[in-house]
PDB file of N, CA and C in Angstrom:
ATOM      1  N   MET A   1     -34.881 -36.253 -10.630  1.00  0.00           N
ATOM      2  CA  MET A   1     -33.845 -36.328 -11.616  1.00  0.00           C
ATOM      3  C   MET A   1     -33.702 -34.954 -12.296  1.00  0.00           C
ATOM      4  N   ARG A   2     -32.447 -34.506 -12.397  1.00  0.00           N
ATOM      5  CA  ARG A   2     -32.179 -33.210 -12.958  1.00  0.00           C
ATOM      6  C   ARG A   2     -31.995 -33.321 -14.562  1.00  0.00           C
ATOM      7  N   ASN A   3     -32.598 -32.407 -15.254  1.00  0.00           N
ATOM      8  CA  ASN A   3     -32.375 -32.399 -16.708  1.00  0.00           C
ATOM      9  C   ASN A   3     -31.082 -31.602 -16.949  1.00  0.00           C
ATOM     10  N   ASN A   4     -30.205 -32.263 -17.764  1.00  0.00           N
ATOM     11  CA  ASN A   4     -28.923 -31.650 -18.107  1.00  0.00           C
ATOM     12  C   ASN A   4     -28.929 -30.739 -19.292  1.00  0.00           C
ATOM     13  N   ARG A   5     -30.113 -30.617 -19.882  1.00  0.00           N
ATOM     14  CA  ARG A   5     -30.259 -29.781 -21.094  1.00  0.00           C
ATOM     15  C   ARG A   5     -30.843 -28.474 -20.773  1.00  0.00           C
ATOM     16  N   ALA A   6     -30.261 -27.428 -21.274  1.00  0.00           N
ATOM     17  CA  ALA A   6     -30.852 -26.098 -21.093  1.00  0.00           C
ATOM     18  C   ALA A   6     -32.087 -25.911 -21.924  1.00  0.00           C
ATOM     19  N   THR A   7     -33.051 -25.276 -21.385  1.00  0.00           N
ATOM     20  CA  THR A   7     -34.290 -24.882 -22.094  1.00  0.00           C
ATOM     21  C   THR A   7     -34.539 -23.376 -21.846  1.00  0.00           C
ATOM     22  N   MET A   8     -35.478 -22.857 -22.565  1.00  0.00           N
ATOM     23  CA  MET A   8     -35.787 -21.471 -22.454  1.00  0.00           C
ATOM     24  C   MET A   8     -36.427 -21.103 -21.057  1.00  0.00           C
ATOM     25  N   ASN A   9     -37.157 -22.160 -20.498  1.00  0.00           N
ATOM     26  CA  ASN A   9     -37.970 -21.892 -19.357  1.00  0.00           C
ATOM     27  C   ASN A   9     -37.486 -22.527 -18.036  1.00  0.00           C
ATOM     28  N   CYS A  10     -36.295 -23.040 -17.990  1.00  0.00           N
ATOM     29  CA  CYS A  10     -35.851 -23.684 -16.725  1.00  0.00           C
ATOM     30  C   CYS A  10     -34.775 -22.774 -16.079  1.00  0.00           C
ATOM     31  N   PRO A  11     -34.659 -22.896 -14.752  1.00  0.00           N
ATOM     32  CA  PRO A  11     -33.564 -22.158 -14.082  1.00  0.00           C
ATOM     33  C   PRO A  11     -32.185 -22.686 -14.456  1.00  0.00           C
ATOM     34  N   ALA A  12     -31.212 -21.818 -14.317  1.00  0.00           N
ATOM     35  CA  ALA A  12     -29.869 -22.261 -14.582  1.00  0.00           C
ATOM     36  C   ALA A  12     -28.836 -21.262 -13.963  1.00  0.00           C
ATOM     37  N   VAL A  13     -27.694 -21.713 -13.663  1.00  0.00           N
ATOM     38  CA  VAL A  13     -26.660 -20.830 -13.115  1.00  0.00           C
ATOM     39  C   VAL A  13     -25.777 -20.404 -14.279  1.00  0.00           C
ATOM     40  N   TYR A  14     -25.632 -19.106 -14.356  1.00  0.00           N
ATOM     41  CA  TYR A  14     -24.867 -18.428 -15.406  1.00  0.00           C
ATOM     42  C   TYR A  14     -23.663 -17.791 -14.900  1.00  0.00           C
ATOM     43  N   ARG A  15     -22.621 -17.628 -15.731  1.00  0.00           N
ATOM     44  CA  ARG A  15     -21.457 -16.751 -15.480  1.00  0.00           C
ATOM     45  C   ARG A  15     -21.340 -15.857 -16.705  1.00  0.00           C
ATOM     46  N   VAL A  16     -21.368 -14.526 -16.393  1.00  0.00           N
ATOM     47  CA  VAL A  16     -21.258 -13.530 -17.476  1.00  0.00           C
ATOM     48  C   VAL A  16     -20.020 -12.672 -17.191  1.00  0.00           C
ATOM     49  N   ARG A  17     -19.108 -12.582 -18.110  1.00  0.00           N
ATOM     50  CA  ARG A  17     -17.868 -11.701 -17.975  1.00  0.00           C
ATOM     51  C   ARG A  17     -18.071 -10.514 -18.835  1.00  0.00           C
ATOM     52  N   VAL A  18     -17.770  -9.357 -18.245  1.00  0.00           N
ATOM     53  CA  VAL A  18     -17.877  -8.049 -18.975  1.00  0.00           C
ATOM     54  C   VAL A  18     -16.576  -7.285 -18.866  1.00  0.00           C
ATOM     55  N   GLN A  19     -16.382  -6.408 -19.731  1.00  0.00           N
ATOM     56  CA  GLN A  19     -15.281  -5.429 -19.705  1.00  0.00           C
ATOM     57  C   GLN A  19     -15.694  -4.211 -18.829  1.00  0.00           C
ATOM     58  N   GLY A  20     -14.897  -3.845 -17.884  1.00  0.00           N
ATOM     59  CA  GLY A  20     -15.217  -2.781 -16.967  1.00  0.00           C
ATOM     60  C   GLY A  20     -15.530  -3.221 -15.575  1.00  0.00           C
ATOM     61  N   SER A  21     -15.538  -2.262 -14.635  1.00  0.00           N
ATOM     62  CA  SER A  21     -15.859  -2.616 -13.228  1.00  0.00           C
ATOM     63  C   SER A  21     -17.295  -2.173 -12.971  1.00  0.00           C
ATOM     64  N   ILE A  22     -18.085  -3.252 -12.695  1.00  0.00           N
ATOM     65  CA  ILE A  22     -19.453  -3.022 -12.287  1.00  0.00           C
ATOM     66  C   ILE A  22     -19.496  -2.744 -10.781  1.00  0.00           C
ATOM     67  N   PRO A  23     -20.213  -1.713 -10.333  1.00  0.00           N
ATOM     68  CA  PRO A  23     -20.275  -1.469  -8.908  1.00  0.00           C
ATOM     69  C   PRO A  23     -20.968  -2.638  -8.204  1.00  0.00           C
ATOM     70  N   LEU A  24     -20.449  -3.096  -7.034  1.00  0.00           N
ATOM     71  CA  LEU A  24     -20.970  -4.171  -6.279  1.00  0.00           C
ATOM     72  C   LEU A  24     -22.401  -4.025  -5.881  1.00  0.00           C
ATOM     73  N   ASP A  25     -22.822  -2.727  -5.655  1.00  0.00           N
ATOM     74  CA  ASP A  25     -24.181  -2.540  -5.201  1.00  0.00           C
ATOM     75  C   ASP A  25     -25.175  -2.616  -6.364  1.00  0.00           C
ATOM     76  N   TRP A  26     -24.737  -2.939  -7.536  1.00  0.00           N
ATOM     77  CA  TRP A  26     -25.687  -3.229  -8.689  1.00  0.00           C
ATOM     78  C   TRP A  26     -26.242  -4.600  -8.637  1.00  0.00           C
ATOM     79  N   SER A  27     -25.901  -5.453  -7.755  1.00  0.00           N
ATOM     80  CA  SER A  27     -26.404  -6.850  -7.722  1.00  0.00           C
ATOM     81  C   SER A  27     -27.894  -6.963  -7.792  1.00  0.00           C
ATOM     82  N   PRO A  28     -28.717  -6.144  -7.068  1.00  0.00           N
ATOM     83  CA  PRO A  28     -30.174  -6.171  -7.145  1.00  0.00           C
ATOM     84  C   PRO A  28     -30.653  -5.813  -8.532  1.00  0.00           C
ATOM     85  N   ARG A  29     -29.923  -4.861  -9.208  1.00  0.00           N
ATOM     86  CA  ARG A  29     -30.282  -4.410 -10.584  1.00  0.00           C
ATOM     87  C   ARG A  29     -30.014  -5.482 -11.605  1.00  0.00           C
ATOM     88  N   LEU A  30     -29.137  -6.437 -11.176  1.00  0.00           N
ATOM     89  CA  LEU A  30     -28.748  -7.553 -12.161  1.00  0.00           C
ATOM     90  C   LEU A  30     -29.235  -8.860 -11.644  1.00  0.00           C
ATOM     91  N   MET A  31     -30.516  -8.901 -11.162  1.00  0.00           N
ATOM     92  CA  MET A  31     -31.222 -10.116 -10.764  1.00  0.00           C
ATOM     93  C   MET A  31     -30.494 -10.856  -9.586  1.00  0.00           C
ATOM     94  N   GLY A  32     -29.790 -10.063  -8.714  1.00  0.00           N
ATOM     95  CA  GLY A  32     -29.169 -10.721  -7.587  1.00  0.00           C
ATOM     96  C   GLY A  32     -27.859 -11.494  -7.888  1.00  0.00           C
ATOM     97  N   MET A  33     -27.342 -11.334  -9.097  1.00  0.00           N
ATOM     98  CA  MET A  33     -26.103 -12.007  -9.408  1.00  0.00           C
ATOM     99  C   MET A  33     -24.961 -11.482  -8.550  1.00  0.00           C
ATOM    100  N   ASN A  34     -24.041 -12.427  -8.158  1.00  0.00           N
ATOM    101  CA  ASN A  34     -22.863 -12.024  -7.384  1.00  0.00           C
ATOM    102  C   ASN A  34     -21.906 -11.365  -8.387  1.00  0.00           C
ATOM    103  N   ILE A  35     -21.288 -10.282  -7.910  1.00  0.00           N
ATOM    104  CA  ILE A  35     -20.427  -9.509  -8.819  1.00  0.00           C
ATOM    105  C   ILE A  35     -18.956  -9.547  -8.248  1.00  0.00           C
ATOM    106  N   THR A  36     -17.965  -9.944  -9.085  1.00  0.00           N
ATOM    107  CA  THR A  36     -16.592  -9.796  -8.625  1.00  0.00           C
ATOM    108  C   THR A  36     -15.898  -9.063  -9.691  1.00  0.00           C
ATOM    109  N   THR A  37     -14.866  -8.265  -9.313  1.00  0.00           N
ATOM    110  CA  THR A  37     -14.165  -7.393 -10.316  1.00  0.00           C
ATOM    111  C   THR A  37     -12.630  -7.770 -10.178  1.00  0.00           C
ATOM    112  N   SER A  38     -11.953  -7.643 -11.282  1.00  0.00           N
ATOM    113  CA  SER A  38     -10.525  -7.769 -11.300  1.00  0.00           C
ATOM    114  C   SER A  38      -9.952  -6.505 -11.986  1.00  0.00           C
ATOM    115  N   ASN A  39      -9.099  -5.861 -11.249  1.00  0.00           N
ATOM    116  CA  ASN A  39      -8.531  -4.590 -11.733  1.00  0.00           C
ATOM    117  C   ASN A  39      -7.116  -4.823 -12.123  1.00  0.00           C
ATOM    118  N   ASP A  40      -6.943  -4.964 -13.424  1.00  0.00           N
ATOM    119  CA  ASP A  40      -5.676  -5.140 -14.046  1.00  0.00           C
ATOM    120  C   ASP A  40      -5.282  -3.833 -14.594  1.00  0.00           C
ATOM    121  N   ALA A  41      -3.975  -3.501 -14.651  1.00  0.00           N
ATOM    122  CA  ALA A  41      -3.541  -2.237 -15.150  1.00  0.00           C
ATOM    123  C   ALA A  41      -4.151  -1.831 -16.513  1.00  0.00           C
ATOM    124  N   ASP A  42      -4.176  -2.903 -17.325  1.00  0.00           N
ATOM    125  CA  ASP A  42      -4.660  -2.669 -18.740  1.00  0.00           C
ATOM    126  C   ASP A  42      -6.116  -3.003 -19.046  1.00  0.00           C
ATOM    127  N   ASN A  43      -6.728  -3.821 -18.113  1.00  0.00           N
ATOM    128  CA  ASN A  43      -8.086  -4.346 -18.481  1.00  0.00           C
ATOM    129  C   ASN A  43      -8.884  -4.672 -17.258  1.00  0.00           C
ATOM    130  N   ASP A  44      -9.794  -3.807 -16.933  1.00  0.00           N
ATOM    131  CA  ASP A  44     -10.756  -4.090 -15.781  1.00  0.00           C
ATOM    132  C   ASP A  44     -11.802  -5.002 -16.322  1.00  0.00           C
ATOM    133  N   GLN A  45     -12.168  -6.051 -15.552  1.00  0.00           N
ATOM    134  CA  GLN A  45     -13.232  -6.924 -15.930  1.00  0.00           C
ATOM    135  C   GLN A  45     -14.045  -7.254 -14.667  1.00  0.00           C
ATOM    136  N   SER A  46     -15.367  -7.540 -14.972  1.00  0.00           N
ATOM    137  CA  SER A  46     -16.240  -7.969 -13.895  1.00  0.00           C
ATOM    138  C   SER A  46     -16.866  -9.301 -14.320  1.00  0.00           C
ATOM    139  N   THR A  47     -17.147 -10.126 -13.321  1.00  0.00           N
ATOM    140  CA  THR A  47     -17.732 -11.469 -13.550  1.00  0.00           C
ATOM    141  C   THR A  47     -18.976 -11.492 -12.669  1.00  0.00           C
ATOM    142  N   LEU A  48     -20.048 -11.826 -13.294  1.00  0.00           N
ATOM    143  CA  LEU A  48     -21.372 -12.071 -12.599  1.00  0.00           C
ATOM    144  C   LEU A  48     -21.706 -13.577 -12.627  1.00  0.00           C
ATOM    145  N   VAL A  49     -22.071 -14.070 -11.407  1.00  0.00           N
ATOM    146  CA  VAL A  49     -22.458 -15.450 -11.342  1.00  0.00           C
ATOM    147  C   VAL A  49     -23.724 -15.507 -10.519  1.00  0.00           C
ATOM    148  N   GLY A  50     -24.683 -16.263 -11.033  1.00  0.00           N
ATOM    149  CA  GLY A  50     -25.947 -16.468 -10.255  1.00  0.00           C
ATOM    150  C   GLY A  50     -26.937 -17.335 -10.943  1.00  0.00           C
ATOM    151  N   ARG A  51     -27.911 -17.790 -10.157  1.00  0.00           N
ATOM    152  CA  ARG A  51     -28.970 -18.616 -10.685  1.00  0.00           C
ATOM    153  C   ARG A  51     -30.090 -17.731 -11.122  1.00  0.00           C
ATOM    154  N   LEU A  52     -30.494 -17.908 -12.387  1.00  0.00           N
ATOM    155  CA  LEU A  52     -31.628 -17.147 -12.976  1.00  0.00           C
ATOM    156  C   LEU A  52     -32.782 -18.060 -13.273  1.00  0.00           C
ATOM    157  N   PRO A  53     -34.047 -17.520 -13.174  1.00  0.00           N
ATOM    158  CA  PRO A  53     -35.164 -18.457 -13.309  1.00  0.00           C
ATOM    159  C   PRO A  53     -35.391 -18.992 -14.752  1.00  0.00           C
ATOM    160  N   ASP A  54     -34.948 -18.237 -15.740  1.00  0.00           N
ATOM    161  CA  ASP A  54     -35.128 -18.670 -17.134  1.00  0.00           C
ATOM    162  C   ASP A  54     -34.217 -17.773 -18.030  1.00  0.00           C
ATOM    163  N   GLN A  55     -34.361 -18.069 -19.294  1.00  0.00           N
ATOM    164  CA  GLN A  55     -33.473 -17.247 -20.236  1.00  0.00           C
ATOM    165  C   GLN A  55     -34.058 -15.873 -20.529  1.00  0.00           C
ATOM    166  N   ALA A  56     -35.336 -15.601 -20.183  1.00  0.00           N
ATOM    167  CA  ALA A  56     -35.830 -14.236 -20.250  1.00  0.00           C
ATOM    168  C   ALA A  56     -35.120 -13.378 -19.240  1.00  0.00           C
ATOM    169  N   ALA A  57     -34.872 -13.931 -18.032  1.00  0.00           N
ATOM    170  CA  ALA A  57     -34.134 -13.215 -17.009  1.00  0.00           C
ATOM    171  C   ALA A  57     -32.681 -12.972 -17.430  1.00  0.00           C
ATOM    172  N   LEU A  58     -32.068 -13.913 -18.067  1.00  0.00           N
ATOM    173  CA  LEU A  58     -30.698 -13.747 -18.608  1.00  0.00           C
ATOM    174  C   LEU A  58     -30.742 -12.579 -19.658  1.00  0.00           C
ATOM    175  N   SER A  59     -31.762 -12.655 -20.470  1.00  0.00           N
ATOM    176  CA  SER A  59     -31.853 -11.503 -21.492  1.00  0.00           C
ATOM    177  C   SER A  59     -31.965 -10.187 -20.817  1.00  0.00           C
ATOM    178  N   GLY A  60     -32.712 -10.143 -19.671  1.00  0.00           N
ATOM    179  CA  GLY A  60     -32.845  -8.888 -18.951  1.00  0.00           C
ATOM    180  C   GLY A  60     -31.466  -8.414 -18.406  1.00  0.00           C
ATOM    181  N   VAL A  61     -30.724  -9.337 -17.900  1.00  0.00           N
ATOM    182  CA  VAL A  61     -29.415  -8.985 -17.402  1.00  0.00           C
ATOM    183  C   VAL A  61     -28.491  -8.448 -18.483  1.00  0.00           C
ATOM    184  N   LEU A  62     -28.530  -9.154 -19.601  1.00  0.00           N
ATOM    185  CA  LEU A  62     -27.720  -8.719 -20.735  1.00  0.00           C
ATOM    186  C   LEU A  62     -28.179  -7.382 -21.314  1.00  0.00           C
ATOM    187  N   ASN A  63     -29.433  -7.142 -21.360  1.00  0.00           N
ATOM    188  CA  ASN A  63     -29.953  -5.838 -21.798  1.00  0.00           C
ATOM    189  C   ASN A  63     -29.486  -4.660 -20.822  1.00  0.00           C
ATOM    190  N   THR A  64     -29.498  -4.982 -19.501  1.00  0.00           N
ATOM    191  CA  THR A  64     -29.041  -3.963 -18.559  1.00  0.00           C
ATOM    192  C   THR A  64     -27.585  -3.671 -18.786  1.00  0.00           C
ATOM    193  N   LEU A  65     -26.826  -4.672 -19.046  1.00  0.00           N
ATOM    194  CA  LEU A  65     -25.412  -4.476 -19.316  1.00  0.00           C
ATOM    195  C   LEU A  65     -25.135  -3.726 -20.611  1.00  0.00           C
ATOM    196  N   TYR A  66     -25.970  -3.979 -21.586  1.00  0.00           N
ATOM    197  CA  TYR A  66     -25.924  -3.230 -22.881  1.00  0.00           C
ATOM    198  C   TYR A  66     -26.294  -1.750 -22.686  1.00  0.00           C
ATOM    199  N   ASP A  67     -27.365  -1.555 -21.952  1.00  0.00           N
ATOM    200  CA  ASP A  67     -27.903  -0.198 -21.731  1.00  0.00           C
ATOM    201  C   ASP A  67     -26.899   0.626 -20.951  1.00  0.00           C
ATOM    202  N   THR A  68     -26.138   0.040 -20.033  1.00  0.00           N
ATOM    203  CA  THR A  68     -25.158   0.720 -19.241  1.00  0.00           C
ATOM    204  C   THR A  68     -23.752   0.713 -19.786  1.00  0.00           C
ATOM    205  N   GLN A  69     -23.635   0.196 -21.073  1.00  0.00           N
ATOM    206  CA  GLN A  69     -22.437   0.218 -21.841  1.00  0.00           C
ATOM    207  C   GLN A  69     -21.246  -0.623 -21.266  1.00  0.00           C
ATOM    208  N   PHE A  70     -21.579  -1.803 -20.752  1.00  0.00           N
ATOM    209  CA  PHE A  70     -20.528  -2.781 -20.322  1.00  0.00           C
ATOM    210  C   PHE A  70     -20.481  -3.871 -21.395  1.00  0.00           C
ATOM    211  N   PRO A  71     -19.420  -3.906 -22.219  1.00  0.00           N
ATOM    212  CA  PRO A  71     -19.331  -4.863 -23.280  1.00  0.00           C
ATOM    213  C   PRO A  71     -19.202  -6.317 -22.685  1.00  0.00           C
ATOM    214  N   VAL A  72     -19.999  -7.186 -23.211  1.00  0.00           N
ATOM    215  CA  VAL A  72     -20.079  -8.597 -22.788  1.00  0.00           C
ATOM    216  C   VAL A  72     -18.910  -9.387 -23.427  1.00  0.00           C
ATOM    217  N   LEU A  73     -18.083 -10.032 -22.638  1.00  0.00           N
ATOM    218  CA  LEU A  73     -17.037 -10.826 -23.124  1.00  0.00           C
ATOM    219  C   LEU A  73     -17.370 -12.331 -23.298  1.00  0.00           C
ATOM    220  N   SER A  74     -18.171 -12.830 -22.378  1.00  0.00           N
ATOM    221  CA  SER A  74     -18.622 -14.231 -22.483  1.00  0.00           C
ATOM    222  C   SER A  74     -19.878 -14.486 -21.611  1.00  0.00           C
ATOM    223  N   VAL A  75     -20.608 -15.517 -21.972  1.00  0.00           N
ATOM    224  CA  VAL A  75     -21.765 -15.961 -21.279  1.00  0.00           C
ATOM    225  C   VAL A  75     -21.685 -17.458 -21.202  1.00  0.00           C
ATOM    226  N   GLU A  76     -21.734 -18.061 -19.991  1.00  0.00           N
ATOM    227  CA  GLU A  76     -21.605 -19.529 -19.846  1.00  0.00           C
ATOM    228  C   GLU A  76     -22.778 -19.987 -18.965  1.00  0.00           C
ATOM    229  N   CYS A  77     -23.310 -21.095 -19.321  1.00  0.00           N
ATOM    230  CA  CYS A  77     -24.239 -21.830 -18.537  1.00  0.00           C
ATOM    231  C   CYS A  77     -23.514 -22.840 -17.772  1.00  0.00           C
ATOM    232  N   LEU A  78     -23.464 -22.667 -16.438  1.00  0.00           N
ATOM    233  CA  LEU A  78     -22.636 -23.595 -15.581  1.00  0.00           C
ATOM    234  C   LEU A  78     -23.465 -24.744 -15.070  1.00  0.00           C
ATOM    235  N   GLU A  79     -24.723 -24.626 -14.820  1.00  0.00           N
ATOM    236  CA  GLU A  79     -25.494 -25.670 -14.284  1.00  0.00           C
ATOM    237  C   GLU A  79     -26.996 -25.463 -14.676  1.00  0.00           C
ATOM    238  N   VAL A  80     -27.697 -26.530 -15.028  1.00  0.00           N
ATOM    239  CA  VAL A  80     -29.068 -26.412 -15.399  1.00  0.00           C
ATOM    240  C   VAL A  80     -29.896 -27.037 -14.303  1.00  0.00           C
ATOM    241  N   GLY A  81     -31.013 -26.420 -14.037  1.00  0.00           N
ATOM    242  CA  GLY A  81     -32.000 -26.957 -13.057  1.00  0.00           C
ATOM    243  C   GLY A  81     -31.963 -26.258 -11.794  1.00  0.00           C
TER     244      GLY A  81
END
């Protein structure tokens, strides 16, 4: 039986949207998350989707985005377990 509640120590699938175009070859640097980009004339955005082992890994991804100056627009937990 799968737990539907997020915890600090359980795996989950996350979607993170950021402003700017993240290079596709950065996936290993971002815990293997899949990267897609949308290039709009006014607003480039990238979306990362992937299963992370816990929220410490999510924090690592967010810190990498911060360190490389990609503003985070949203973070969603899509699936727990």
